[in-house]
C-alpha cells in the first residue's frame, strides 16, 4: 500500500520497519478476502458474509492507522506543503484514476460476454459514479487511495494551524457524528479519518505505547475479540462497531507483529512489499478468475463457491505479484507508483 517504506525522521536514513511491513502483508490478505464476493454470495452460502462483515469492522481502519503512523515516521508533515501535495497526488491520485478507469473499461467490455458484479451504467454513468456519486462506483475497491490523500491534506493543513495529533483524534471522533454525502468518498473520509489520526497519535508516542502493546497482548486481544463479538451479535451498530473494533485492533495487531511467533514470519513481509500492487489489481484478477470459472461451467452456486473462493484468493494475490515482477518493474515510473 502507499507509504510502503516506513522511516525514521526525515534527516536520518530510513530504517525498515518490519513490524509495519508484516502488518501490511497480513492486512492485504484480509482485503483480498473481502473482495472475493463483489455483491452477493450464492444462495445457500451462509458463512461468508458474517465473516466479511467482521473483517470490514477493522481491516481498512488498520490500514489507515498504518498509513498515519508512516506519515509521522517519514517526517511528511514537516515538508513544504506544495511539495507534499504534488508528491501525494502522484503517489495516490494517479493510481486511483488509472485503476478506476481500467476497472470501468474492463467491466464495460466484460458485461458483453459474461455476468459482471456491479456493472456500470454505460460509459458516462460509469465515469460519474467512479469519481462523484461514489456509492455506486463500479470500482469501489480503490477508495482508500483518495481517502488517504484527503486525510493527509486535512492533517497537514490543520497541523499548520496548530492542531496537534490529539486534536486530530478528537476531530476524527466528531466526524463519526457527521452524515457526509457519498460524494467523492467524503463519507468514507469522515468515517476513517479517526484511524489515520490514531496512527499519527501513536507514532508520536510509540516509545511509550509500543511496549504496552507488546506487554498486554492477552488483554488487548480479549478486548478486540469482545468488540468483534458485540459487532457479530448486532449489539453495536455498523458505524460504531467499526469505531470500536478499528481502535481495539490497533494494539492487538500491531503488538502481535512485534512479538514471536509472528515477528519471525517472513511471508507477511514479502506480501507487505507487494501490498500496493495487490491492492490495485486484486479485484481485476478476482473478476477475471470468476469469469473464467463460470465460462468453464463452474457456476456461482453453493456447490462451487469453495472453488471460487480459493481460486479468487489465490489469483487476487498471485496475479498482481506476477504482474509486478514480470511487467511493471520494467517501467520505472509505473514501478514506483505500484511500490
C-alpha atoms as a PDB file:
ATOM      1  CA  UNK A   1       0.000   0.000   0.000  1.00  0.00           C
ATOM      2  CA  UNK A   2       1.121   3.641  -0.132  1.00  0.00           C
ATOM      3  CA  UNK A   3       3.803   4.754   2.324  1.00  0.00           C
ATOM      4  CA  UNK A   4       5.482   1.397   1.986  1.00  0.00           C
ATOM      5  CA  UNK A   5       8.864   2.439   3.317  1.00  0.00           C
ATOM      6  CA  UNK A   6       8.439   3.239   6.966  1.00  0.00           C
ATOM      7  CA  UNK A   7      11.022   5.706   8.054  1.00  0.00           C
ATOM      8  CA  UNK A   8      12.686   7.491  10.899  1.00  0.00           C
ATOM      9  CA  UNK A   9      12.787  11.299  10.911  1.00  0.00           C
ATOM     10  CA  UNK A  10      13.493  12.763   7.505  1.00  0.00           C
ATOM     11  CA  UNK A  11      17.061  13.795   8.353  1.00  0.00           C
ATOM     12  CA  UNK A  12      18.031  10.210   9.094  1.00  0.00           C
ATOM     13  CA  UNK A  13      18.323   7.382   6.595  1.00  0.00           C
ATOM     14  CA  UNK A  14      15.045   5.442   6.810  1.00  0.00           C
ATOM     15  CA  UNK A  15      15.201   2.241   8.779  1.00  0.00           C
ATOM     16  CA  UNK A  16      12.989  -0.564   7.536  1.00  0.00           C
ATOM     17  CA  UNK A  17      10.203  -1.215   9.997  1.00  0.00           C
ATOM     18  CA  UNK A  18       9.458  -4.896   9.614  1.00  0.00           C
ATOM     19  CA  UNK A  19       6.550  -4.723  12.051  1.00  0.00           C
ATOM     20  CA  UNK A  20       4.751  -2.345   9.690  1.00  0.00           C
ATOM     21  CA  UNK A  21       5.669  -4.391   6.610  1.00  0.00           C
ATOM     22  CA  UNK A  22       4.421  -7.516   8.346  1.00  0.00           C
ATOM     23  CA  UNK A  23       1.189  -5.788   9.341  1.00  0.00           C
ATOM     24  CA  UNK A  24       0.572  -4.699   5.746  1.00  0.00           C
ATOM     25  CA  UNK A  25       1.195  -8.221   4.500  1.00  0.00           C
ATOM     26  CA  UNK A  26      -1.398  -9.751   6.797  1.00  0.00           C
ATOM     27  CA  UNK A  27      -3.884  -6.920   6.293  1.00  0.00           C
ATOM     28  CA  UNK A  28      -3.713  -7.164   2.486  1.00  0.00           C
ATOM     29  CA  UNK A  29      -4.845 -10.790   2.721  1.00  0.00           C
ATOM     30  CA  UNK A  30      -7.941  -9.563   4.536  1.00  0.00           C
ATOM     31  CA  UNK A  31      -8.516  -7.040   1.744  1.00  0.00           C
ATOM     32  CA  UNK A  32      -8.418  -9.800  -0.863  1.00  0.00           C
ATOM     33  CA  UNK A  33     -10.745 -11.959   1.234  1.00  0.00           C
ATOM     34  CA  UNK A  34     -13.227  -9.094   1.384  1.00  0.00           C
ATOM     35  CA  UNK A  35     -13.195  -8.812  -2.423  1.00  0.00           C
ATOM     36  CA  UNK A  36     -13.911 -12.494  -3.126  1.00  0.00           C
ATOM     37  CA  UNK A  37     -17.593 -11.555  -3.421  1.00  0.00           C
ATOM     38  CA  UNK A  38     -18.328  -8.201  -5.025  1.00  0.00           C
ATOM     39  CA  UNK A  39     -22.051  -8.079  -4.291  1.00  0.00           C
ATOM     40  CA  UNK A  40     -23.991 -11.182  -3.252  1.00  0.00           C
ATOM     41  CA  UNK A  41     -22.922 -14.673  -2.267  1.00  0.00           C
ATOM     42  CA  UNK A  42     -24.597 -17.634  -3.969  1.00  0.00           C
ATOM     43  CA  UNK A  43     -27.884 -18.698  -2.338  1.00  0.00           C
ATOM     44  CA  UNK A  44     -27.214 -21.134   0.471  1.00  0.00           C
ATOM     45  CA  UNK A  45     -23.752 -19.846   1.400  1.00  0.00           C
ATOM     46  CA  UNK A  46     -24.260 -18.567   4.910  1.00  0.00           C
ATOM     47  CA  UNK A  47     -20.760 -18.383   6.374  1.00  0.00           C
ATOM     48  CA  UNK A  48     -19.002 -15.821   4.172  1.00  0.00           C
ATOM     49  CA  UNK A  49     -20.992 -12.635   4.800  1.00  0.00           C
ATOM     50  CA  UNK A  50     -20.849 -12.772   8.629  1.00  0.00           C
ATOM     51  CA  UNK A  51     -17.072 -13.217   8.467  1.00  0.00           C
ATOM     52  CA  UNK A  52     -16.667 -10.462   5.883  1.00  0.00           C
ATOM     53  CA  UNK A  53     -18.805  -8.135   7.999  1.00  0.00           C
ATOM     54  CA  UNK A  54     -16.424  -8.600  10.936  1.00  0.00           C
ATOM     55  CA  UNK A  55     -13.338  -8.195   8.743  1.00  0.00           C
ATOM     56  CA  UNK A  56     -14.739  -4.907   7.457  1.00  0.00           C
ATOM     57  CA  UNK A  57     -15.096  -3.638  11.013  1.00  0.00           C
ATOM     58  CA  UNK A  58     -11.303  -3.367  11.319  1.00  0.00           C
ATOM     59  CA  UNK A  59      -9.155  -4.164   8.280  1.00  0.00           C
ATOM     60  CA  UNK A  60      -9.320  -0.798   6.484  1.00  0.00           C
ATOM     61  CA  UNK A  61      -9.205   1.149   9.763  1.00  0.00           C
ATOM     62  CA  UNK A  62      -5.989  -0.740  10.469  1.00  0.00           C
ATOM     63  CA  UNK A  63      -4.586   0.227   7.063  1.00  0.00           C
ATOM     64  CA  UNK A  64      -5.395   3.904   7.729  1.00  0.00           C
ATOM     65  CA  UNK A  65      -3.705   3.578  11.119  1.00  0.00           C
ATOM     66  CA  UNK A  66      -0.567   2.175   9.466  1.00  0.00           C
ATOM     67  CA  UNK A  67      -0.580   4.995   6.920  1.00  0.00           C
ATOM     68  CA  UNK A  68      -0.918   7.624   9.632  1.00  0.00           C
ATOM     69  CA  UNK A  69       1.963   6.035  11.506  1.00  0.00           C
ATOM     70  CA  UNK A  70       4.230   6.216   8.483  1.00  0.00           C
ATOM     71  CA  UNK A  71       3.271   9.836   7.774  1.00  0.00           C
ATOM     72  CA  UNK A  72       4.770  10.775  11.144  1.00  0.00           C
ATOM     73  CA  UNK A  73       7.793   8.485  10.964  1.00  0.00           C
ATOM     74  CA  UNK A  74       8.684   9.767   7.488  1.00  0.00           C
ATOM     75  CA  UNK A  75       8.505  13.413   8.555  1.00  0.00           C
ATOM     76  CA  UNK A  76       6.000  14.096   5.784  1.00  0.00           C
ATOM     77  CA  UNK A  77       4.015  16.721   7.685  1.00  0.00           C
ATOM     78  CA  UNK A  78       7.135  18.828   8.204  1.00  0.00           C
ATOM     79  CA  UNK A  79       7.871  19.134   4.474  1.00  0.00           C
ATOM     80  CA  UNK A  80       6.814  22.134   2.339  1.00  0.00           C
ATOM     81  CA  UNK A  81       3.064  21.851   1.677  1.00  0.00           C
ATOM     82  CA  UNK A  82       3.287  22.379  -2.071  1.00  0.00           C
ATOM     83  CA  UNK A  83       5.823  19.608  -2.398  1.00  0.00           C
ATOM     84  CA  UNK A  84       3.745  17.248  -0.261  1.00  0.00           C
ATOM     85  CA  UNK A  85       0.564  17.892  -2.258  1.00  0.00           C
ATOM     86  CA  UNK A  86       2.380  17.235  -5.524  1.00  0.00           C
ATOM     87  CA  UNK A  87       4.038  14.062  -4.247  1.00  0.00           C
ATOM     88  CA  UNK A  88       0.855  12.697  -2.714  1.00  0.00           C
ATOM     89  CA  UNK A  89      -1.172  13.472  -5.821  1.00  0.00           C
ATOM     90  CA  UNK A  90       1.253  11.477  -7.951  1.00  0.00           C
ATOM     91  CA  UNK A  91       1.529   8.702  -5.391  1.00  0.00           C
ATOM     92  CA  UNK A  92      -2.191   8.326  -4.656  1.00  0.00           C
ATOM     93  CA  UNK A  93      -4.394  10.059  -7.218  1.00  0.00           C
ATOM     94  CA  UNK A  94      -2.657   8.805 -10.359  1.00  0.00           C
ATOM     95  CA  UNK A  95      -3.197   5.138  -9.369  1.00  0.00           C
ATOM     96  CA  UNK A  96      -6.716   5.973  -8.155  1.00  0.00           C
ATOM     97  CA  UNK A  97      -7.771   7.391 -11.518  1.00  0.00           C
ATOM     98  CA  UNK A  98      -5.793   4.895 -13.607  1.00  0.00           C
ATOM     99  CA  UNK A  99      -7.056   1.757 -11.893  1.00  0.00           C
ATOM    100  CA  UNK A 100     -10.569   3.130 -11.576  1.00  0.00           C
ATOM    101  CA  UNK A 101     -10.689   3.741 -15.324  1.00  0.00           C
ATOM    102  CA  UNK A 102      -9.140   0.337 -16.030  1.00  0.00           C
ATOM    103  CA  UNK A 103     -11.806  -1.416 -13.940  1.00  0.00           C
ATOM    104  CA  UNK A 104     -14.559   0.612 -15.613  1.00  0.00           C
ATOM    105  CA  UNK A 105     -13.341  -0.246 -19.126  1.00  0.00           C
ATOM    106  CA  UNK A 106     -12.831  -3.904 -18.202  1.00  0.00           C
ATOM    107  CA  UNK A 107     -16.398  -4.128 -16.899  1.00  0.00           C
ATOM    108  CA  UNK A 108     -17.844  -2.379 -19.957  1.00  0.00           C
ATOM    109  CA  UNK A 109     -16.148  -4.976 -22.161  1.00  0.00           C
ATOM    110  CA  UNK A 110     -16.796  -7.988 -19.943  1.00  0.00           C
ATOM    111  CA  UNK A 111     -20.503  -7.244 -19.468  1.00  0.00           C
ATOM    112  CA  UNK A 112     -20.970  -8.024 -23.164  1.00  0.00           C
ATOM    113  CA  UNK A 113     -19.622 -11.543 -22.621  1.00  0.00           C
ATOM    114  CA  UNK A 114     -20.246 -12.735 -19.063  1.00  0.00           C
ATOM    115  CA  UNK A 115     -22.193 -11.710 -15.941  1.00  0.00           C
ATOM    116  CA  UNK A 116     -20.360  -8.884 -14.139  1.00  0.00           C
ATOM    117  CA  UNK A 117     -20.585  -7.852 -10.489  1.00  0.00           C
ATOM    118  CA  UNK A 118     -21.672  -4.224 -10.018  1.00  0.00           C
ATOM    119  CA  UNK A 119     -21.870  -3.394 -13.764  1.00  0.00           C
ATOM    120  CA  UNK A 120     -21.567   0.281 -14.794  1.00  0.00           C
ATOM    121  CA  UNK A 121     -24.476   2.142 -16.388  1.00  0.00           C
ATOM    122  CA  UNK A 122     -22.631   2.832 -19.622  1.00  0.00           C
ATOM    123  CA  UNK A 123     -19.506   4.951 -20.066  1.00  0.00           C
ATOM    124  CA  UNK A 124     -20.983   8.288 -18.957  1.00  0.00           C
ATOM    125  CA  UNK A 125     -22.779   6.787 -15.968  1.00  0.00           C
ATOM    126  CA  UNK A 126     -19.713   4.770 -15.040  1.00  0.00           C
ATOM    127  CA  UNK A 127     -17.480   7.846 -15.081  1.00  0.00           C
ATOM    128  CA  UNK A 128     -19.967   9.799 -12.958  1.00  0.00           C
ATOM    129  CA  UNK A 129     -20.225   7.001 -10.417  1.00  0.00           C
ATOM    130  CA  UNK A 130     -16.496   6.357 -10.457  1.00  0.00           C
ATOM    131  CA  UNK A 131     -15.464   9.838  -9.363  1.00  0.00           C
ATOM    132  CA  UNK A 132     -18.533  11.617  -7.997  1.00  0.00           C
ATOM    133  CA  UNK A 133     -21.552   9.511  -6.941  1.00  0.00           C
ATOM    134  CA  UNK A 134     -19.148   7.039  -5.412  1.00  0.00           C
ATOM    135  CA  UNK A 135     -21.733   4.982  -3.518  1.00  0.00           C
ATOM    136  CA  UNK A 136     -22.475   3.406  -6.919  1.00  0.00           C
ATOM    137  CA  UNK A 137     -18.888   3.321  -8.154  1.00  0.00           C
ATOM    138  CA  UNK A 138     -18.012   0.347 -10.387  1.00  0.00           C
ATOM    139  CA  UNK A 139     -14.542   0.431  -8.812  1.00  0.00           C
ATOM    140  CA  UNK A 140     -15.251   0.945  -5.119  1.00  0.00           C
ATOM    141  CA  UNK A 141     -12.149  -1.034  -4.165  1.00  0.00           C
ATOM    142  CA  UNK A 142      -9.809   1.922  -4.871  1.00  0.00           C
ATOM    143  CA  UNK A 143     -11.483   4.306  -2.398  1.00  0.00           C
ATOM    144  CA  UNK A 144      -8.607   4.043   0.093  1.00  0.00           C
ATOM    145  CA  UNK A 145      -6.253   5.989  -2.202  1.00  0.00           C
ATOM    146  CA  UNK A 146      -8.461   9.067  -2.431  1.00  0.00           C
ATOM    147  CA  UNK A 147      -9.354   8.934   1.266  1.00  0.00           C
ATOM    148  CA  UNK A 148      -5.688   8.683   2.261  1.00  0.00           C
ATOM    149  CA  UNK A 149      -4.947  11.719   0.071  1.00  0.00           C
ATOM    150  CA  UNK A 150      -7.740  13.678   1.781  1.00  0.00           C
ATOM    151  CA  UNK A 151      -6.597  12.558   5.239  1.00  0.00           C
ATOM    152  CA  UNK A 152      -3.031  13.672   4.556  1.00  0.00           C
ATOM    153  CA  UNK A 153      -4.125  17.071   3.262  1.00  0.00           C
ATOM    154  CA  UNK A 154      -6.500  17.618   6.188  1.00  0.00           C
ATOM    155  CA  UNK A 155      -3.861  16.654   8.748  1.00  0.00           C
ATOM    156  CA  UNK A 156      -1.205  18.794   7.098  1.00  0.00           C
ATOM    157  CA  UNK A 157      -3.463  21.849   6.930  1.00  0.00           C
ATOM    158  CA  UNK A 158      -4.707  21.525  10.499  1.00  0.00           C
ATOM    159  CA  UNK A 159      -1.217  20.921  11.857  1.00  0.00           C
ATOM    160  CA  UNK A 160      -0.126  24.217  10.321  1.00  0.00           C
ATOM    161  CA  UNK A 161      -2.995  25.875  12.173  1.00  0.00           C
ATOM    162  CA  UNK A 162      -1.635  24.485  15.429  1.00  0.00           C
ATOM    163  CA  UNK A 163      -3.859  21.414  15.789  1.00  0.00           C
ATOM    164  CA  UNK A 164      -1.844  18.537  17.231  1.00  0.00           C
ATOM    165  CA  UNK A 165      -2.362  14.804  16.947  1.00  0.00           C
ATOM    166  CA  UNK A 166      -4.719  14.798  19.939  1.00  0.00           C
ATOM    167  CA  UNK A 167      -6.853  17.472  18.302  1.00  0.00           C
ATOM    168  CA  UNK A 168      -6.936  15.461  15.081  1.00  0.00           C
ATOM    169  CA  UNK A 169      -8.007  12.419  17.076  1.00  0.00           C
ATOM    170  CA  UNK A 170     -10.864  14.417  18.620  1.00  0.00           C
ATOM    171  CA  UNK A 171     -11.849  15.617  15.147  1.00  0.00           C
ATOM    172  CA  UNK A 172     -11.914  12.005  13.988  1.00  0.00           C
ATOM    173  CA  UNK A 173     -14.353  11.163  16.771  1.00  0.00           C
ATOM    174  CA  UNK A 174     -16.552  14.176  15.968  1.00  0.00           C
ATOM    175  CA  UNK A 175     -16.678  13.178  12.299  1.00  0.00           C
ATOM    176  CA  UNK A 176     -18.360   9.937  13.347  1.00  0.00           C
ATOM    177  CA  UNK A 177     -21.435  12.015  14.131  1.00  0.00           C
ATOM    178  CA  UNK A 178     -21.447  13.736  10.725  1.00  0.00           C
ATOM    179  CA  UNK A 179     -23.600  12.259   7.973  1.00  0.00           C
ATOM    180  CA  UNK A 180     -21.452  13.094   4.962  1.00  0.00           C
ATOM    181  CA  UNK A 181     -22.868  12.613   1.451  1.00  0.00           C
ATOM    182  CA  UNK A 182     -21.485   9.730  -0.596  1.00  0.00           C
ATOM    183  CA  UNK A 183     -19.793  12.158  -2.970  1.00  0.00           C
ATOM    184  CA  UNK A 184     -16.131  11.715  -3.915  1.00  0.00           C
ATOM    185  CA  UNK A 185     -15.830   9.324  -0.951  1.00  0.00           C
ATOM    186  CA  UNK A 186     -16.362  12.122   1.578  1.00  0.00           C
ATOM    187  CA  UNK A 187     -18.481   9.703   3.589  1.00  0.00           C
ATOM    188  CA  UNK A 188     -15.546   7.304   3.863  1.00  0.00           C
ATOM    189  CA  UNK A 189     -13.189  10.145   4.698  1.00  0.00           C
ATOM    190  CA  UNK A 190     -15.445  11.082   7.613  1.00  0.00           C
ATOM    191  CA  UNK A 191     -15.721   7.508   8.852  1.00  0.00           C
ATOM    192  CA  UNK A 192     -12.000   6.672   8.531  1.00  0.00           C
ATOM    193  CA  UNK A 193     -10.102   9.867   9.425  1.00  0.00           C
ATOM    194  CA  UNK A 194     -10.203   8.777  13.072  1.00  0.00           C
ATOM    195  CA  UNK A 195      -7.938   5.802  12.366  1.00  0.00           C
ATOM    196  CA  UNK A 196      -5.467   7.845  10.332  1.00  0.00           C
ATOM    197  CA  UNK A 197      -5.313  10.304  13.240  1.00  0.00           C
ATOM    198  CA  UNK A 198      -4.799   7.383  15.630  1.00  0.00           C
ATOM    199  CA  UNK A 199      -1.748   6.430  13.582  1.00  0.00           C
ATOM    200  CA  UNK A 200      -0.355   9.952  13.935  1.00  0.00           C
ATOM    201  CA  UNK A 201      -1.054   9.965  17.667  1.00  0.00           C
ATOM    202  CA  UNK A 202       0.523   6.568  18.348  1.00  0.00           C
ATOM    203  CA  UNK A 203       3.566   7.260  16.163  1.00  0.00           C
ATOM    204  CA  UNK A 204       4.358  10.422  18.116  1.00  0.00           C
ATOM    205  CA  UNK A 205       4.297   8.377  21.330  1.00  0.00           C
ATOM    206  CA  UNK A 206       5.430   4.968  20.145  1.00  0.00           C
ATOM    207  CA  UNK A 207       8.375   4.832  22.532  1.00  0.00           C
ATOM    208  CA  UNK A 208       5.904   4.766  25.406  1.00  0.00           C
ATOM    209  CA  UNK A 209       2.995   2.956  23.729  1.00  0.00           C
ATOM    210  CA  UNK A 210       4.521   0.079  21.766  1.00  0.00           C
ATOM    211  CA  UNK A 211       5.943  -1.651  24.869  1.00  0.00           C
ATOM    212  CA  UNK A 212       2.422  -1.595  26.288  1.00  0.00           C
ATOM    213  CA  UNK A 213       1.057  -3.055  23.053  1.00  0.00           C
ATOM    214  CA  UNK A 214       3.515  -5.926  23.495  1.00  0.00           C
ATOM    215  CA  UNK A 215       3.281  -6.400  27.264  1.00  0.00           C
ATOM    216  CA  UNK A 216      -0.522  -6.556  27.444  1.00  0.00           C
ATOM    217  CA  UNK A 217      -1.183  -8.652  24.341  1.00  0.00           C
ATOM    218  CA  UNK A 218      -3.581 -11.044  26.039  1.00  0.00           C
ATOM    219  CA  UNK A 219      -5.723  -8.202  27.343  1.00  0.00           C
ATOM    220  CA  UNK A 220      -5.688  -6.371  24.007  1.00  0.00           C
ATOM    221  CA  UNK A 221      -6.780  -9.495  22.159  1.00  0.00           C
ATOM    222  CA  UNK A 222      -9.532 -10.170  24.676  1.00  0.00           C
ATOM    223  CA  UNK A 223     -10.784  -6.608  24.237  1.00  0.00           C
ATOM    224  CA  UNK A 224     -10.578  -6.868  20.436  1.00  0.00           C
ATOM    225  CA  UNK A 225     -12.396 -10.218  20.476  1.00  0.00           C
ATOM    226  CA  UNK A 226     -15.040  -8.667  22.710  1.00  0.00           C
ATOM    227  CA  UNK A 227     -15.542  -5.850  20.219  1.00  0.00           C
ATOM    228  CA  UNK A 228     -15.919  -8.343  17.372  1.00  0.00           C
ATOM    229  CA  UNK A 229     -18.409 -10.333  19.439  1.00  0.00           C
ATOM    230  CA  UNK A 230     -20.527  -7.233  20.062  1.00  0.00           C
ATOM    231  CA  UNK A 231     -20.439  -6.484  16.336  1.00  0.00           C
ATOM    232  CA  UNK A 232     -21.353 -10.064  15.423  1.00  0.00           C
ATOM    233  CA  UNK A 233     -24.287 -10.069  17.825  1.00  0.00           C
ATOM    234  CA  UNK A 234     -25.543  -6.763  16.444  1.00  0.00           C
ATOM    235  CA  UNK A 235     -25.406  -5.104  19.847  1.00  0.00           C
ATOM    236  CA  UNK A 236     -23.412  -2.220  18.345  1.00  0.00           C
ATOM    237  CA  UNK A 237     -24.457  -0.509  15.114  1.00  0.00           C
ATOM    238  CA  UNK A 238     -22.392  -0.828  11.966  1.00  0.00           C
ATOM    239  CA  UNK A 239     -20.659   2.566  12.208  1.00  0.00           C
ATOM    240  CA  UNK A 240     -19.809   2.362  15.909  1.00  0.00           C
ATOM    241  CA  UNK A 241     -18.808  -1.288  15.600  1.00  0.00           C
ATOM    242  CA  UNK A 242     -16.129  -0.108  13.173  1.00  0.00           C
ATOM    243  CA  UNK A 243     -15.009   2.572  15.625  1.00  0.00           C
ATOM    244  CA  UNK A 244     -14.831   0.038  18.449  1.00  0.00           C
ATOM    245  CA  UNK A 245     -13.138  -2.777  16.527  1.00  0.00           C
ATOM    246  CA  UNK A 246     -10.998  -0.424  14.444  1.00  0.00           C
ATOM    247  CA  UNK A 247      -9.455   1.126  17.555  1.00  0.00           C
ATOM    248  CA  UNK A 248      -9.158  -2.079  19.584  1.00  0.00           C
ATOM    249  CA  UNK A 249      -7.419  -3.890  16.734  1.00  0.00           C
ATOM    250  CA  UNK A 250      -4.534  -1.401  16.812  1.00  0.00           C
ATOM    251  CA  UNK A 251      -2.738  -2.514  19.992  1.00  0.00           C
ATOM    252  CA  UNK A 252      -3.720  -6.155  19.414  1.00  0.00           C
ATOM    253  CA  UNK A 253      -2.476  -6.428  15.830  1.00  0.00           C
ATOM    254  CA  UNK A 254       0.447  -4.011  15.987  1.00  0.00           C
ATOM    255  CA  UNK A 255       1.705  -5.592  19.177  1.00  0.00           C
ATOM    256  CA  UNK A 256       1.428  -9.084  17.682  1.00  0.00           C
ATOM    257  CA  UNK A 257       3.557  -8.028  14.702  1.00  0.00           C
ATOM    258  CA  UNK A 258       6.430  -7.243  17.076  1.00  0.00           C
ATOM    259  CA  UNK A 259       6.391 -10.484  19.095  1.00  0.00           C
ATOM    260  CA  UNK A 260       7.135 -14.159  18.370  1.00  0.00           C
ATOM    261  CA  UNK A 261       5.901 -16.179  16.637  1.00  0.00           C
ATOM    262  CA  UNK A 262       4.541 -13.552  14.217  1.00  0.00           C
ATOM    263  CA  UNK A 263       7.737 -11.475  14.385  1.00  0.00           C
ATOM    264  CA  UNK A 264       9.629 -14.439  12.889  1.00  0.00           C
ATOM    265  CA  UNK A 265       7.297 -14.878   9.929  1.00  0.00           C
ATOM    266  CA  UNK A 266       8.801 -13.767   6.620  1.00  0.00           C
ATOM    267  CA  UNK A 267       5.855 -14.354   4.298  1.00  0.00           C
ATOM    268  CA  UNK A 268       3.905 -11.310   5.590  1.00  0.00           C
ATOM    269  CA  UNK A 269       6.983  -9.147   4.996  1.00  0.00           C
ATOM    270  CA  UNK A 270       7.115 -10.351   1.386  1.00  0.00           C
ATOM    271  CA  UNK A 271       3.400  -9.753   0.897  1.00  0.00           C
ATOM    272  CA  UNK A 272       3.751  -6.366   2.557  1.00  0.00           C
ATOM    273  CA  UNK A 273       6.309  -5.347  -0.053  1.00  0.00           C
ATOM    274  CA  UNK A 274       3.732  -6.133  -2.762  1.00  0.00           C
ATOM    275  CA  UNK A 275       0.717  -4.721  -0.923  1.00  0.00           C
ATOM    276  CA  UNK A 276       0.226  -1.735  -3.244  1.00  0.00           C
ATOM    277  CA  UNK A 277       0.246  -3.917  -6.358  1.00  0.00           C
ATOM    278  CA  UNK A 278      -2.106  -6.420  -4.727  1.00  0.00           C
ATOM    279  CA  UNK A 279      -4.444  -3.639  -3.610  1.00  0.00           C
ATOM    280  CA  UNK A 280      -4.568  -2.082  -7.069  1.00  0.00           C
ATOM    281  CA  UNK A 281      -5.022  -5.215  -9.144  1.00  0.00           C
ATOM    282  CA  UNK A 282      -6.687  -7.834  -6.941  1.00  0.00           C
ATOM    283  CA  UNK A 283     -10.248  -7.020  -7.981  1.00  0.00           C
ATOM    284  CA  UNK A 284      -9.373  -7.268 -11.670  1.00  0.00           C
ATOM    285  CA  UNK A 285      -7.679 -10.605 -11.014  1.00  0.00           C
ATOM    286  CA  UNK A 286     -10.620 -11.884  -8.964  1.00  0.00           C
ATOM    287  CA  UNK A 287     -13.195 -10.729 -11.506  1.00  0.00           C
ATOM    288  CA  UNK A 288     -11.294 -12.325 -14.376  1.00  0.00           C
ATOM    289  CA  UNK A 289     -10.906 -15.578 -12.468  1.00  0.00           C
ATOM    290  CA  UNK A 290     -14.615 -15.702 -11.661  1.00  0.00           C
ATOM    291  CA  UNK A 291     -15.495 -15.087 -15.321  1.00  0.00           C
ATOM    292  CA  UNK A 292     -13.179 -17.877 -16.494  1.00  0.00           C
ATOM    293  CA  UNK A 293     -14.568 -20.355 -13.964  1.00  0.00           C
ATOM    294  CA  UNK A 294     -18.130 -19.568 -14.977  1.00  0.00           C
ATOM    295  CA  UNK A 295     -17.251 -19.941 -18.655  1.00  0.00           C
ATOM    296  CA  UNK A 296     -15.801 -23.366 -17.827  1.00  0.00           C
ATOM    297  CA  UNK A 297     -19.083 -24.397 -16.250  1.00  0.00           C
ATOM    298  CA  UNK A 298     -18.338 -23.810 -12.573  1.00  0.00           C
ATOM    299  CA  UNK A 299     -21.414 -21.775 -11.715  1.00  0.00           C
ATOM    300  CA  UNK A 300     -21.823 -19.177  -8.990  1.00  0.00           C
ATOM    301  CA  UNK A 301     -23.573 -21.704  -6.761  1.00  0.00           C
ATOM    302  CA  UNK A 302     -23.311 -23.041  -3.246  1.00  0.00           C
ATOM    303  CA  UNK A 303     -21.688 -26.241  -4.518  1.00  0.00           C
ATOM    304  CA  UNK A 304     -18.935 -24.447  -6.424  1.00  0.00           C
ATOM    305  CA  UNK A 305     -18.422 -21.496  -4.081  1.00  0.00           C
ATOM    306  CA  UNK A 306     -15.456 -23.101  -2.233  1.00  0.00           C
ATOM    307  CA  UNK A 307     -13.664 -23.448  -5.582  1.00  0.00           C
ATOM    308  CA  UNK A 308     -14.465 -19.841  -6.476  1.00  0.00           C
ATOM    309  CA  UNK A 309     -13.261 -18.621  -3.067  1.00  0.00           C
ATOM    310  CA  UNK A 310      -9.944 -20.491  -3.185  1.00  0.00           C
ATOM    311  CA  UNK A 311      -9.322 -19.517  -6.805  1.00  0.00           C
ATOM    312  CA  UNK A 312     -10.181 -15.873  -6.090  1.00  0.00           C
ATOM    313  CA  UNK A 313      -7.886 -15.677  -3.062  1.00  0.00           C
ATOM    314  CA  UNK A 314      -5.042 -17.291  -4.993  1.00  0.00           C
ATOM    315  CA  UNK A 315      -5.495 -15.148  -8.089  1.00  0.00           C
ATOM    316  CA  UNK A 316      -6.068 -11.968  -6.074  1.00  0.00           C
ATOM    317  CA  UNK A 317      -2.631 -12.338  -4.501  1.00  0.00           C
ATOM    318  CA  UNK A 318      -0.549 -14.228  -7.056  1.00  0.00           C
ATOM    319  CA  UNK A 319      -1.543 -12.453 -10.275  1.00  0.00           C
ATOM    320  CA  UNK A 320      -0.785  -8.912  -9.030  1.00  0.00           C
ATOM    321  CA  UNK A 321       2.572 -10.125  -7.667  1.00  0.00           C
ATOM    322  CA  UNK A 322       3.429 -11.736 -11.009  1.00  0.00           C
ATOM    323  CA  UNK A 323       2.290  -8.603 -12.846  1.00  0.00           C
ATOM    324  CA  UNK A 324       4.554  -6.510 -10.640  1.00  0.00           C
ATOM    325  CA  UNK A 325       7.567  -8.805 -11.070  1.00  0.00           C
ATOM    326  CA  UNK A 326       7.255  -9.572 -14.770  1.00  0.00           C
ATOM    327  CA  UNK A 327       5.779  -6.387 -16.239  1.00  0.00           C
ATOM    328  CA  UNK A 328       5.569  -3.332 -14.011  1.00  0.00           C
ATOM    329  CA  UNK A 329       9.177  -3.430 -12.840  1.00  0.00           C
ATOM    330  CA  UNK A 330      10.281  -2.965 -16.440  1.00  0.00           C
ATOM    331  CA  UNK A 331       8.734   0.533 -16.496  1.00  0.00           C
ATOM    332  CA  UNK A 332      10.386   2.759 -13.895  1.00  0.00           C
ATOM    333  CA  UNK A 333       7.506   5.219 -13.445  1.00  0.00           C
ATOM    334  CA  UNK A 334       4.877   2.504 -13.096  1.00  0.00           C
ATOM    335  CA  UNK A 335       7.183   0.505 -10.838  1.00  0.00           C
ATOM    336  CA  UNK A 336       7.447   3.446  -8.418  1.00  0.00           C
ATOM    337  CA  UNK A 337       3.690   4.046  -8.429  1.00  0.00           C
ATOM    338  CA  UNK A 338       2.989   0.418  -7.519  1.00  0.00           C
ATOM    339  CA  UNK A 339       5.610   0.087  -4.747  1.00  0.00           C
END
